[in-house]
N, C-alpha and C. Protein backbone atom coordinates (compact mmCIF):
# COMPACT_ATOMS: atom_id res chain seq x y z
N UNK A 1 -231.12 -91.00 66.66
CA UNK A 1 -229.81 -90.53 66.19
C UNK A 1 -229.67 -89.02 66.42
N UNK A 2 -230.72 -88.27 66.02
CA UNK A 2 -230.70 -86.82 66.22
C UNK A 2 -230.63 -86.48 67.71
N UNK A 3 -231.32 -87.33 68.50
CA UNK A 3 -231.30 -87.10 69.95
C UNK A 3 -229.87 -87.21 70.50
N UNK A 4 -229.13 -88.22 70.03
CA UNK A 4 -227.75 -88.42 70.49
C UNK A 4 -226.86 -87.25 70.07
N UNK A 5 -227.08 -86.79 68.84
CA UNK A 5 -226.29 -85.66 68.34
C UNK A 5 -226.57 -84.41 69.17
N UNK A 6 -227.84 -84.17 69.43
CA UNK A 6 -228.22 -82.99 70.21
C UNK A 6 -227.69 -83.08 71.64
N UNK A 7 -227.75 -84.30 72.20
CA UNK A 7 -227.26 -84.50 73.57
C UNK A 7 -225.75 -84.25 73.63
N UNK A 8 -225.04 -84.74 72.61
CA UNK A 8 -223.58 -84.55 72.56
C UNK A 8 -223.24 -83.07 72.44
N UNK A 9 -224.02 -82.39 71.61
CA UNK A 9 -223.78 -80.96 71.41
C UNK A 9 -224.02 -80.18 72.70
N UNK A 10 -225.07 -80.56 73.42
CA UNK A 10 -225.39 -79.89 74.68
C UNK A 10 -224.29 -80.14 75.72
N UNK A 11 -223.83 -81.41 75.74
CA UNK A 11 -222.77 -81.76 76.69
C UNK A 11 -221.50 -80.98 76.38
N UNK A 12 -221.16 -80.89 75.09
CA UNK A 12 -219.97 -80.16 74.67
C UNK A 12 -220.08 -78.69 75.06
N UNK A 13 -221.26 -78.13 74.83
CA UNK A 13 -221.49 -76.72 75.17
C UNK A 13 -221.37 -76.50 76.67
N UNK A 14 -221.86 -77.47 77.45
CA UNK A 14 -221.80 -77.35 78.91
C UNK A 14 -220.34 -77.38 79.38
N UNK A 15 -219.55 -78.27 78.77
CA UNK A 15 -218.14 -78.38 79.15
C UNK A 15 -217.41 -77.08 78.83
N UNK A 16 -217.67 -76.52 77.63
CA UNK A 16 -217.04 -75.26 77.23
C UNK A 16 -217.45 -74.13 78.17
N UNK A 17 -218.73 -74.09 78.52
CA UNK A 17 -219.23 -73.04 79.41
C UNK A 17 -218.57 -73.14 80.79
N UNK A 18 -218.41 -74.38 81.27
CA UNK A 18 -217.78 -74.59 82.57
C UNK A 18 -216.32 -74.15 82.54
N UNK A 19 -215.64 -74.49 81.42
CA UNK A 19 -214.23 -74.10 81.27
C UNK A 19 -214.09 -72.57 81.26
N UNK A 20 -214.96 -71.92 80.49
CA UNK A 20 -214.91 -70.46 80.40
C UNK A 20 -215.20 -69.81 81.75
N UNK A 21 -216.14 -70.41 82.49
CA UNK A 21 -216.48 -69.88 83.81
C UNK A 21 -215.29 -69.98 84.76
N UNK A 22 -214.64 -71.16 84.77
CA UNK A 22 -213.48 -71.36 85.64
C UNK A 22 -212.33 -70.45 85.23
N UNK A 23 -212.17 -70.29 83.91
CA UNK A 23 -211.08 -69.45 83.41
C UNK A 23 -211.29 -68.00 83.79
N UNK A 24 -212.54 -67.54 83.66
CA UNK A 24 -212.86 -66.16 84.03
C UNK A 24 -212.68 -65.95 85.53
N UNK A 25 -213.10 -66.94 86.32
CA UNK A 25 -212.95 -66.83 87.77
C UNK A 25 -211.48 -66.76 88.15
N UNK A 26 -210.66 -67.57 87.47
CA UNK A 26 -209.22 -67.57 87.73
C UNK A 26 -208.61 -66.22 87.35
N UNK A 27 -209.04 -65.67 86.21
CA UNK A 27 -208.54 -64.37 85.77
C UNK A 27 -208.95 -63.26 86.73
N UNK A 28 -210.19 -63.35 87.20
CA UNK A 28 -210.68 -62.34 88.15
C UNK A 28 -209.88 -62.38 89.45
N UNK A 29 -209.56 -63.61 89.90
CA UNK A 29 -208.78 -63.76 91.13
C UNK A 29 -207.37 -63.21 90.95
N UNK A 30 -206.77 -63.54 89.79
CA UNK A 30 -205.41 -63.07 89.51
C UNK A 30 -205.38 -61.55 89.42
N UNK A 31 -206.40 -60.98 88.79
CA UNK A 31 -206.45 -59.53 88.67
C UNK A 31 -206.64 -58.87 90.03
N UNK A 32 -207.48 -59.46 90.87
CA UNK A 32 -207.70 -58.93 92.21
C UNK A 32 -206.41 -58.98 93.03
N UNK A 33 -205.70 -60.12 92.93
CA UNK A 33 -204.43 -60.27 93.65
C UNK A 33 -203.41 -59.26 93.17
N UNK A 34 -203.39 -59.02 91.85
CA UNK A 34 -202.44 -58.06 91.29
C UNK A 34 -202.68 -56.66 91.86
N UNK A 35 -203.93 -56.22 91.84
CA UNK A 35 -204.22 -54.86 92.29
C UNK A 35 -204.02 -54.70 93.80
N UNK A 36 -204.26 -55.77 94.55
CA UNK A 36 -203.98 -55.72 95.98
C UNK A 36 -202.48 -55.58 96.23
N UNK A 37 -201.69 -56.34 95.46
CA UNK A 37 -200.24 -56.26 95.59
C UNK A 37 -199.73 -54.89 95.14
N UNK A 38 -200.35 -54.36 94.09
CA UNK A 38 -199.95 -53.05 93.58
C UNK A 38 -200.26 -51.95 94.60
N UNK A 39 -201.40 -52.06 95.27
CA UNK A 39 -201.74 -51.07 96.31
C UNK A 39 -200.74 -51.13 97.46
N UNK A 40 -200.38 -52.35 97.81
CA UNK A 40 -199.38 -52.52 98.87
C UNK A 40 -198.04 -51.93 98.45
N UNK A 41 -197.67 -52.18 97.18
CA UNK A 41 -196.40 -51.67 96.67
C UNK A 41 -196.37 -50.15 96.66
N UNK A 42 -197.46 -49.55 96.25
CA UNK A 42 -197.53 -48.08 96.17
C UNK A 42 -197.49 -47.40 97.53
N UNK A 43 -197.76 -48.15 98.58
CA UNK A 43 -197.72 -47.58 99.93
C UNK A 43 -196.42 -47.92 100.65
N UNK A 44 -195.51 -48.63 99.97
CA UNK A 44 -194.24 -48.99 100.58
C UNK A 44 -193.32 -47.79 100.65
N UNK A 45 -192.76 -47.55 101.80
CA UNK A 45 -191.91 -46.37 101.99
C UNK A 45 -190.54 -46.55 101.35
N UNK A 46 -189.90 -45.42 101.11
CA UNK A 46 -188.57 -45.41 100.52
C UNK A 46 -187.57 -46.21 101.39
N UNK A 47 -186.76 -47.02 100.73
CA UNK A 47 -185.73 -47.79 101.42
C UNK A 47 -184.35 -47.46 100.84
N UNK A 48 -183.33 -47.78 101.60
CA UNK A 48 -181.97 -47.50 101.15
C UNK A 48 -181.61 -48.32 99.91
N UNK A 49 -180.90 -47.69 98.98
CA UNK A 49 -180.45 -48.38 97.76
C UNK A 49 -178.94 -48.66 97.82
N UNK A 50 -178.37 -48.51 98.98
CA UNK A 50 -176.91 -48.67 99.13
C UNK A 50 -176.45 -50.09 98.83
N UNK A 51 -177.30 -51.07 99.10
CA UNK A 51 -176.88 -52.46 98.98
C UNK A 51 -177.29 -53.11 97.66
N UNK A 52 -177.69 -52.32 96.70
CA UNK A 52 -178.01 -52.87 95.38
C UNK A 52 -176.75 -53.43 94.73
N UNK A 53 -176.93 -54.37 93.82
CA UNK A 53 -175.80 -55.00 93.14
C UNK A 53 -175.40 -54.13 91.94
N UNK A 54 -174.74 -53.03 92.25
CA UNK A 54 -174.34 -52.09 91.20
C UNK A 54 -173.24 -52.71 90.33
N UNK A 55 -173.32 -52.43 89.04
CA UNK A 55 -172.36 -52.96 88.08
C UNK A 55 -171.29 -51.92 87.79
N UNK A 56 -170.06 -52.33 87.97
CA UNK A 56 -168.92 -51.46 87.70
C UNK A 56 -168.33 -51.82 86.34
N UNK A 57 -168.24 -50.86 85.45
CA UNK A 57 -167.68 -51.10 84.12
C UNK A 57 -166.16 -51.00 84.19
N UNK A 58 -165.45 -52.05 83.81
CA UNK A 58 -163.98 -52.03 83.86
C UNK A 58 -163.39 -51.30 82.65
N UNK A 59 -163.54 -50.00 82.63
CA UNK A 59 -163.09 -49.20 81.50
C UNK A 59 -161.63 -49.49 81.16
N UNK A 60 -160.80 -49.66 82.18
CA UNK A 60 -159.37 -49.86 81.96
C UNK A 60 -159.07 -51.17 81.22
N UNK A 61 -160.02 -52.10 81.22
CA UNK A 61 -159.80 -53.38 80.56
C UNK A 61 -160.46 -53.45 79.17
N UNK A 62 -161.15 -52.40 78.79
CA UNK A 62 -161.82 -52.40 77.49
C UNK A 62 -160.90 -51.80 76.43
N UNK A 63 -161.03 -52.27 75.19
CA UNK A 63 -160.13 -51.83 74.10
C UNK A 63 -160.49 -50.44 73.58
N UNK A 64 -160.31 -49.44 74.40
CA UNK A 64 -160.73 -48.08 74.05
C UNK A 64 -159.89 -47.48 72.91
N UNK A 65 -158.70 -48.03 72.67
CA UNK A 65 -157.84 -47.46 71.63
C UNK A 65 -158.01 -48.11 70.26
N UNK A 66 -158.75 -49.22 70.21
CA UNK A 66 -158.92 -49.92 68.93
C UNK A 66 -160.03 -49.30 68.08
N UNK A 67 -159.87 -49.41 66.79
CA UNK A 67 -160.88 -48.96 65.81
C UNK A 67 -161.23 -47.49 66.00
N UNK A 68 -160.25 -46.69 66.31
CA UNK A 68 -160.50 -45.27 66.54
C UNK A 68 -160.94 -44.54 65.28
N UNK A 69 -160.72 -45.17 64.11
CA UNK A 69 -161.12 -44.56 62.85
C UNK A 69 -162.49 -45.05 62.38
N UNK A 70 -163.16 -45.84 63.23
CA UNK A 70 -164.48 -46.38 62.89
C UNK A 70 -165.54 -45.63 63.69
N UNK A 71 -166.41 -44.88 63.04
CA UNK A 71 -167.42 -44.07 63.75
C UNK A 71 -168.28 -44.88 64.73
N UNK A 72 -168.71 -46.07 64.32
CA UNK A 72 -169.56 -46.87 65.20
C UNK A 72 -168.82 -47.24 66.48
N UNK A 73 -167.56 -47.60 66.34
CA UNK A 73 -166.76 -47.96 67.51
C UNK A 73 -166.64 -46.77 68.45
N UNK A 74 -166.43 -45.60 67.90
CA UNK A 74 -166.33 -44.41 68.73
C UNK A 74 -167.64 -44.10 69.44
N UNK A 75 -168.75 -44.36 68.76
CA UNK A 75 -170.07 -44.18 69.39
C UNK A 75 -170.22 -45.12 70.59
N UNK A 76 -169.82 -46.39 70.40
CA UNK A 76 -169.93 -47.36 71.48
C UNK A 76 -169.06 -46.97 72.67
N UNK A 77 -167.87 -46.49 72.39
CA UNK A 77 -166.95 -46.07 73.45
C UNK A 77 -167.56 -44.91 74.25
N UNK A 78 -168.16 -43.96 73.53
CA UNK A 78 -168.75 -42.80 74.20
C UNK A 78 -169.91 -43.23 75.10
N UNK A 79 -170.72 -44.15 74.61
CA UNK A 79 -171.84 -44.64 75.42
C UNK A 79 -171.33 -45.31 76.68
N UNK A 80 -170.32 -46.17 76.52
CA UNK A 80 -169.77 -46.89 77.67
C UNK A 80 -169.14 -45.93 78.67
N UNK A 81 -168.43 -44.93 78.19
CA UNK A 81 -167.81 -43.96 79.08
C UNK A 81 -168.86 -43.17 79.85
N UNK A 82 -169.95 -42.85 79.20
CA UNK A 82 -171.04 -42.14 79.87
C UNK A 82 -171.69 -43.03 80.93
N UNK A 83 -171.94 -44.29 80.57
CA UNK A 83 -172.56 -45.22 81.50
C UNK A 83 -171.67 -45.50 82.71
N UNK A 84 -170.37 -45.43 82.51
CA UNK A 84 -169.44 -45.71 83.61
C UNK A 84 -169.61 -44.73 84.76
N UNK A 85 -170.21 -43.58 84.49
CA UNK A 85 -170.43 -42.56 85.52
C UNK A 85 -171.82 -42.65 86.13
N UNK A 86 -172.61 -43.60 85.68
CA UNK A 86 -174.00 -43.71 86.13
C UNK A 86 -174.23 -45.00 86.90
N UNK A 87 -175.23 -45.01 87.78
CA UNK A 87 -175.58 -46.24 88.49
C UNK A 87 -176.24 -47.24 87.54
N UNK A 88 -175.79 -48.48 87.58
CA UNK A 88 -176.29 -49.52 86.67
C UNK A 88 -176.65 -50.75 87.50
N UNK A 89 -177.88 -51.23 87.34
CA UNK A 89 -178.32 -52.43 88.06
C UNK A 89 -179.16 -53.28 87.11
N UNK A 90 -178.96 -54.57 87.17
CA UNK A 90 -179.72 -55.50 86.34
C UNK A 90 -180.99 -55.93 87.09
N UNK A 91 -182.14 -55.45 86.63
CA UNK A 91 -183.43 -55.83 87.21
C UNK A 91 -184.25 -56.66 86.22
N UNK A 92 -183.60 -57.32 85.30
CA UNK A 92 -184.29 -58.12 84.30
C UNK A 92 -185.21 -59.14 84.96
N UNK A 93 -186.45 -59.17 84.52
CA UNK A 93 -187.41 -60.15 85.03
C UNK A 93 -188.11 -59.75 86.32
N UNK A 94 -187.78 -58.58 86.85
CA UNK A 94 -188.41 -58.11 88.09
C UNK A 94 -189.40 -57.00 87.73
N UNK A 95 -190.64 -57.18 88.10
CA UNK A 95 -191.68 -56.21 87.75
C UNK A 95 -191.54 -54.93 88.57
N UNK A 96 -192.15 -53.87 88.07
CA UNK A 96 -192.16 -52.60 88.81
C UNK A 96 -192.83 -52.75 90.17
N UNK A 97 -193.87 -53.57 90.21
CA UNK A 97 -194.56 -53.81 91.48
C UNK A 97 -193.61 -54.42 92.49
N UNK A 98 -192.85 -55.40 92.06
CA UNK A 98 -191.90 -56.06 92.96
C UNK A 98 -190.80 -55.10 93.38
N UNK A 99 -190.36 -54.26 92.47
CA UNK A 99 -189.33 -53.27 92.81
C UNK A 99 -189.83 -52.31 93.89
N UNK A 100 -191.07 -51.89 93.76
CA UNK A 100 -191.64 -50.98 94.75
C UNK A 100 -191.78 -51.65 96.11
N UNK A 101 -192.15 -52.93 96.09
CA UNK A 101 -192.27 -53.67 97.35
C UNK A 101 -190.91 -53.82 98.03
N UNK A 102 -189.87 -54.04 97.24
CA UNK A 102 -188.53 -54.27 97.80
C UNK A 102 -187.87 -52.98 98.25
N UNK A 103 -188.02 -51.93 97.44
CA UNK A 103 -187.21 -50.73 97.67
C UNK A 103 -188.02 -49.46 97.91
N UNK A 104 -189.33 -49.57 97.89
CA UNK A 104 -190.16 -48.40 98.15
C UNK A 104 -190.65 -47.73 96.89
N UNK A 105 -191.91 -47.35 96.89
CA UNK A 105 -192.52 -46.71 95.73
C UNK A 105 -191.81 -45.42 95.30
N UNK A 106 -191.33 -44.59 96.24
CA UNK A 106 -190.68 -43.34 95.84
C UNK A 106 -189.39 -43.57 95.03
N UNK A 107 -188.84 -44.79 95.08
CA UNK A 107 -187.59 -45.06 94.36
C UNK A 107 -187.80 -45.63 92.96
N UNK A 108 -189.04 -45.81 92.55
CA UNK A 108 -189.28 -46.55 91.30
C UNK A 108 -188.67 -45.88 90.07
N UNK A 109 -188.73 -44.56 90.00
CA UNK A 109 -188.16 -43.89 88.83
C UNK A 109 -186.64 -44.07 88.77
N UNK A 110 -185.99 -43.97 89.92
CA UNK A 110 -184.55 -44.20 89.99
C UNK A 110 -184.21 -45.62 89.55
N UNK A 111 -184.95 -46.58 90.07
CA UNK A 111 -184.69 -47.99 89.77
C UNK A 111 -184.89 -48.30 88.30
N UNK A 112 -185.93 -47.74 87.71
CA UNK A 112 -186.17 -47.94 86.28
C UNK A 112 -185.03 -47.35 85.47
N UNK A 113 -184.52 -46.21 85.94
CA UNK A 113 -183.38 -45.59 85.26
C UNK A 113 -182.14 -46.47 85.34
N UNK A 114 -181.90 -47.06 86.51
CA UNK A 114 -180.76 -47.95 86.67
C UNK A 114 -180.87 -49.14 85.71
N UNK A 115 -182.08 -49.67 85.60
CA UNK A 115 -182.30 -50.83 84.73
C UNK A 115 -182.16 -50.46 83.26
N UNK A 116 -182.62 -49.27 82.89
CA UNK A 116 -182.47 -48.81 81.51
C UNK A 116 -180.99 -48.63 81.17
N UNK A 117 -180.21 -48.17 82.14
CA UNK A 117 -178.77 -48.06 81.95
C UNK A 117 -178.17 -49.44 81.68
N UNK A 118 -178.69 -50.44 82.39
CA UNK A 118 -178.17 -51.80 82.20
C UNK A 118 -178.51 -52.32 80.80
N UNK A 119 -179.73 -52.10 80.39
CA UNK A 119 -180.14 -52.55 79.06
C UNK A 119 -179.26 -51.92 77.99
N UNK A 120 -179.02 -50.62 78.12
CA UNK A 120 -178.15 -49.93 77.16
C UNK A 120 -176.73 -50.49 77.22
N UNK A 121 -176.26 -50.81 78.41
CA UNK A 121 -174.91 -51.35 78.57
C UNK A 121 -174.74 -52.66 77.82
N UNK A 122 -175.61 -53.64 78.08
CA UNK A 122 -175.42 -54.96 77.48
C UNK A 122 -175.67 -54.95 75.97
N UNK A 123 -176.57 -54.09 75.52
CA UNK A 123 -176.80 -53.98 74.08
C UNK A 123 -175.58 -53.36 73.39
N UNK A 124 -175.01 -52.35 74.02
CA UNK A 124 -173.82 -51.69 73.46
C UNK A 124 -172.62 -52.64 73.45
N UNK A 125 -172.44 -53.38 74.55
CA UNK A 125 -171.34 -54.34 74.62
C UNK A 125 -171.46 -55.40 73.52
N UNK A 126 -172.68 -55.85 73.27
CA UNK A 126 -172.89 -56.84 72.22
C UNK A 126 -172.51 -56.28 70.85
N UNK A 127 -172.99 -55.10 70.56
CA UNK A 127 -172.72 -54.50 69.25
C UNK A 127 -171.22 -54.19 69.07
N UNK A 128 -170.61 -53.73 70.13
CA UNK A 128 -169.18 -53.41 70.08
C UNK A 128 -168.36 -54.69 69.92
N UNK A 129 -168.73 -55.72 70.66
CA UNK A 129 -168.02 -57.00 70.56
C UNK A 129 -168.15 -57.59 69.16
N UNK A 130 -169.33 -57.48 68.58
CA UNK A 130 -169.53 -57.99 67.23
C UNK A 130 -168.65 -57.24 66.23
N UNK A 131 -168.56 -55.93 66.40
CA UNK A 131 -167.71 -55.12 65.53
C UNK A 131 -166.24 -55.51 65.69
N UNK A 132 -165.82 -55.70 66.91
CA UNK A 132 -164.44 -56.13 67.16
C UNK A 132 -164.16 -57.49 66.53
N UNK A 133 -165.08 -58.41 66.70
CA UNK A 133 -164.93 -59.75 66.14
C UNK A 133 -164.83 -59.70 64.62
N UNK A 134 -165.73 -58.95 64.01
CA UNK A 134 -165.74 -58.82 62.55
C UNK A 134 -164.47 -58.15 62.03
N UNK A 135 -163.82 -57.36 62.91
CA UNK A 135 -162.60 -56.65 62.52
C UNK A 135 -161.33 -57.45 62.85
N UNK A 136 -161.52 -58.67 63.37
CA UNK A 136 -160.39 -59.53 63.64
C UNK A 136 -159.86 -59.49 65.06
N UNK A 137 -160.48 -58.71 65.93
CA UNK A 137 -160.03 -58.62 67.32
C UNK A 137 -160.84 -59.60 68.18
N UNK A 138 -160.51 -60.87 68.01
CA UNK A 138 -161.30 -61.93 68.63
C UNK A 138 -161.16 -61.95 70.15
N UNK A 139 -159.95 -61.85 70.65
CA UNK A 139 -159.74 -61.90 72.10
C UNK A 139 -160.39 -60.73 72.82
N UNK A 140 -160.31 -59.56 72.19
CA UNK A 140 -160.94 -58.37 72.78
C UNK A 140 -162.46 -58.55 72.83
N UNK A 141 -163.01 -59.10 71.76
CA UNK A 141 -164.45 -59.37 71.74
C UNK A 141 -164.82 -60.40 72.80
N UNK A 142 -163.98 -61.41 72.95
CA UNK A 142 -164.21 -62.46 73.94
C UNK A 142 -164.29 -61.87 75.35
N UNK A 143 -163.34 -61.05 75.72
CA UNK A 143 -163.32 -60.48 77.07
C UNK A 143 -164.55 -59.59 77.32
N UNK A 144 -164.96 -58.89 76.29
CA UNK A 144 -166.12 -58.02 76.42
C UNK A 144 -167.40 -58.84 76.62
N UNK A 145 -167.52 -59.91 75.86
CA UNK A 145 -168.69 -60.78 75.97
C UNK A 145 -168.73 -61.47 77.33
N UNK A 146 -167.58 -61.92 77.81
CA UNK A 146 -167.54 -62.60 79.11
C UNK A 146 -167.91 -61.64 80.24
N UNK A 147 -167.52 -60.38 80.11
CA UNK A 147 -167.93 -59.40 81.12
C UNK A 147 -169.44 -59.22 81.09
N UNK A 148 -170.00 -59.11 79.89
CA UNK A 148 -171.43 -58.93 79.75
C UNK A 148 -172.19 -60.12 80.36
N UNK A 149 -171.72 -61.33 80.10
CA UNK A 149 -172.36 -62.52 80.65
C UNK A 149 -172.27 -62.53 82.17
N UNK A 150 -171.16 -62.05 82.71
CA UNK A 150 -170.99 -62.03 84.16
C UNK A 150 -171.99 -61.11 84.86
N UNK A 151 -172.58 -60.18 84.12
CA UNK A 151 -173.58 -59.28 84.70
C UNK A 151 -174.99 -59.85 84.63
N UNK A 152 -175.14 -61.03 83.96
CA UNK A 152 -176.45 -61.65 83.85
C UNK A 152 -177.24 -61.21 82.64
N UNK A 153 -176.56 -60.83 81.57
CA UNK A 153 -177.27 -60.40 80.36
C UNK A 153 -178.14 -61.52 79.80
N UNK A 154 -179.25 -61.14 79.17
CA UNK A 154 -180.09 -62.11 78.49
C UNK A 154 -180.14 -61.81 76.98
N UNK A 155 -179.11 -61.13 76.48
CA UNK A 155 -179.01 -60.86 75.05
C UNK A 155 -178.53 -62.14 74.37
N UNK A 156 -179.40 -62.80 73.64
CA UNK A 156 -179.07 -64.10 73.07
C UNK A 156 -177.89 -64.04 72.11
N UNK A 157 -177.76 -62.94 71.37
CA UNK A 157 -176.65 -62.80 70.42
C UNK A 157 -175.30 -62.83 71.12
N UNK A 158 -175.26 -62.37 72.37
CA UNK A 158 -174.02 -62.40 73.14
C UNK A 158 -173.57 -63.83 73.38
N UNK A 159 -174.50 -64.68 73.77
CA UNK A 159 -174.17 -66.09 74.01
C UNK A 159 -173.82 -66.81 72.72
N UNK A 160 -174.51 -66.47 71.65
CA UNK A 160 -174.23 -67.12 70.36
C UNK A 160 -172.82 -66.79 69.89
N UNK A 161 -172.45 -65.53 69.96
CA UNK A 161 -171.11 -65.13 69.52
C UNK A 161 -170.04 -65.68 70.46
N UNK A 162 -170.32 -65.71 71.75
CA UNK A 162 -169.36 -66.24 72.71
C UNK A 162 -169.09 -67.72 72.45
N UNK A 163 -170.13 -68.48 72.19
CA UNK A 163 -169.96 -69.90 71.85
C UNK A 163 -169.14 -70.06 70.58
N UNK A 164 -169.43 -69.22 69.61
CA UNK A 164 -168.70 -69.25 68.35
C UNK A 164 -167.20 -69.02 68.57
N UNK A 165 -166.88 -68.08 69.44
CA UNK A 165 -165.48 -67.77 69.73
C UNK A 165 -164.82 -68.92 70.50
N UNK A 166 -165.53 -69.48 71.46
CA UNK A 166 -164.98 -70.62 72.20
C UNK A 166 -164.61 -71.76 71.25
N UNK A 167 -165.50 -72.03 70.31
CA UNK A 167 -165.24 -73.10 69.34
C UNK A 167 -164.06 -72.73 68.45
N UNK A 168 -164.02 -71.49 68.01
CA UNK A 168 -162.96 -71.02 67.14
C UNK A 168 -161.60 -71.07 67.83
N UNK A 169 -161.57 -70.84 69.13
CA UNK A 169 -160.33 -70.86 69.89
C UNK A 169 -160.01 -72.24 70.45
N UNK A 170 -160.78 -73.24 69.99
CA UNK A 170 -160.57 -74.63 70.43
C UNK A 170 -160.74 -74.82 71.94
N UNK A 171 -161.69 -74.08 72.50
CA UNK A 171 -162.02 -74.24 73.92
C UNK A 171 -163.53 -74.44 74.09
N UNK A 172 -164.11 -75.39 73.34
CA UNK A 172 -165.57 -75.60 73.40
C UNK A 172 -166.07 -76.03 74.77
N UNK A 173 -165.14 -76.59 75.60
CA UNK A 173 -165.55 -77.02 76.93
C UNK A 173 -166.02 -75.84 77.78
N UNK A 174 -165.63 -74.63 77.41
CA UNK A 174 -166.05 -73.45 78.17
C UNK A 174 -167.54 -73.15 78.00
N UNK A 175 -168.14 -73.70 76.96
CA UNK A 175 -169.58 -73.49 76.75
C UNK A 175 -170.35 -74.02 77.96
N UNK A 176 -169.89 -75.16 78.50
CA UNK A 176 -170.56 -75.76 79.65
C UNK A 176 -170.58 -74.87 80.87
N UNK A 177 -169.59 -73.99 80.98
CA UNK A 177 -169.52 -73.10 82.14
C UNK A 177 -170.59 -72.01 82.11
N UNK A 178 -171.27 -71.88 80.97
CA UNK A 178 -172.29 -70.85 80.84
C UNK A 178 -173.65 -71.29 81.39
N UNK A 179 -173.85 -72.60 81.47
CA UNK A 179 -175.15 -73.11 81.93
C UNK A 179 -175.55 -72.61 83.32
N UNK A 180 -174.67 -72.67 84.32
CA UNK A 180 -175.07 -72.18 85.66
C UNK A 180 -175.50 -70.72 85.65
N UNK A 181 -174.90 -69.93 84.78
CA UNK A 181 -175.26 -68.52 84.68
C UNK A 181 -176.65 -68.37 84.06
N UNK A 182 -176.87 -69.14 83.00
CA UNK A 182 -178.15 -69.04 82.28
C UNK A 182 -179.30 -69.59 83.11
N UNK A 183 -179.04 -70.62 83.90
CA UNK A 183 -180.09 -71.27 84.68
C UNK A 183 -180.72 -70.34 85.72
N UNK A 184 -180.00 -69.31 86.14
CA UNK A 184 -180.54 -68.40 87.15
C UNK A 184 -181.04 -67.09 86.54
N UNK A 185 -181.09 -67.01 85.21
CA UNK A 185 -181.61 -65.80 84.58
C UNK A 185 -183.12 -65.71 84.79
N UNK A 186 -183.59 -64.54 85.18
CA UNK A 186 -185.03 -64.30 85.31
C UNK A 186 -185.50 -63.62 84.03
N UNK A 187 -185.49 -64.41 82.97
CA UNK A 187 -185.77 -63.82 81.67
C UNK A 187 -186.55 -64.79 80.79
N UNK A 188 -187.40 -64.23 79.94
CA UNK A 188 -188.13 -65.05 78.98
C UNK A 188 -187.20 -65.64 77.93
N UNK A 189 -185.99 -65.11 77.85
CA UNK A 189 -185.01 -65.58 76.87
C UNK A 189 -184.21 -66.79 77.37
N UNK A 190 -184.45 -67.22 78.58
CA UNK A 190 -183.64 -68.28 79.17
C UNK A 190 -183.63 -69.56 78.32
N UNK A 191 -184.79 -70.04 77.92
CA UNK A 191 -184.86 -71.28 77.14
C UNK A 191 -184.18 -71.12 75.79
N UNK A 192 -184.33 -69.96 75.19
CA UNK A 192 -183.69 -69.70 73.91
C UNK A 192 -182.17 -69.76 74.05
N UNK A 193 -181.66 -69.18 75.12
CA UNK A 193 -180.21 -69.17 75.33
C UNK A 193 -179.69 -70.58 75.62
N UNK A 194 -180.44 -71.35 76.40
CA UNK A 194 -180.05 -72.75 76.65
C UNK A 194 -179.96 -73.51 75.34
N UNK A 195 -180.92 -73.28 74.48
CA UNK A 195 -180.92 -73.96 73.17
C UNK A 195 -179.69 -73.54 72.35
N UNK A 196 -179.30 -72.29 72.44
CA UNK A 196 -178.10 -71.81 71.73
C UNK A 196 -176.86 -72.56 72.23
N UNK A 197 -176.76 -72.71 73.53
CA UNK A 197 -175.62 -73.44 74.12
C UNK A 197 -175.61 -74.89 73.68
N UNK A 198 -176.77 -75.52 73.70
CA UNK A 198 -176.87 -76.92 73.33
C UNK A 198 -176.51 -77.14 71.87
N UNK A 199 -176.99 -76.25 71.01
CA UNK A 199 -176.70 -76.36 69.58
C UNK A 199 -175.20 -76.15 69.31
N UNK A 200 -174.60 -75.24 70.08
CA UNK A 200 -173.16 -74.99 69.92
C UNK A 200 -172.36 -76.23 70.32
N UNK A 201 -172.76 -76.87 71.42
CA UNK A 201 -172.07 -78.09 71.86
C UNK A 201 -172.24 -79.22 70.85
N UNK A 202 -173.44 -79.34 70.32
CA UNK A 202 -173.70 -80.39 69.33
C UNK A 202 -172.91 -80.19 68.05
N UNK A 203 -172.64 -78.95 67.71
CA UNK A 203 -171.91 -78.66 66.47
C UNK A 203 -170.47 -79.15 66.51
N UNK A 204 -169.95 -79.34 67.71
CA UNK A 204 -168.56 -79.82 67.84
C UNK A 204 -168.52 -81.28 68.28
N UNK A 205 -169.68 -81.91 68.27
CA UNK A 205 -169.75 -83.34 68.62
C UNK A 205 -169.68 -83.57 70.10
């Protein structure tokens, strides 16, 4: 009996050791591949950024005159006006290594800045839209959220509020139009956003 127990324990230990060995080997290979790719990226020459998918903020279509007596609204407007003068590109889900490979290592600081501008844009649009919605300006909030979604935002609160507005305006069928946009998001939030859409659809039967 003791022999069987000892044999089982040895076999279990051997299986664990083999798993750890394979896992370490896989990690070592992945790490080696990463650093090789990083070295290649760092040696990539500067490339033109003229053809990037720059985002244009439609200032003329935003409710710049509403809630002028609300400090938060004025802050959001100022941020948006400032961003409207800056280059904005959505690089969500694209690593710095990949950016360097695509556009050249010397451009990485510029590209990171463009992406940071995008993050600030979609976060500000979400907060501003929520404020508008809470203040009773539903259509204005709707248009702002739809613009944000059109840029490929992965801010889950944007999709949640947009679904809420669609339901409130008796246009729940519009929720379905969001799936093609969400399906191509290169974001860890993709599954969460899909679940938000599904739950919104289920809430209206």
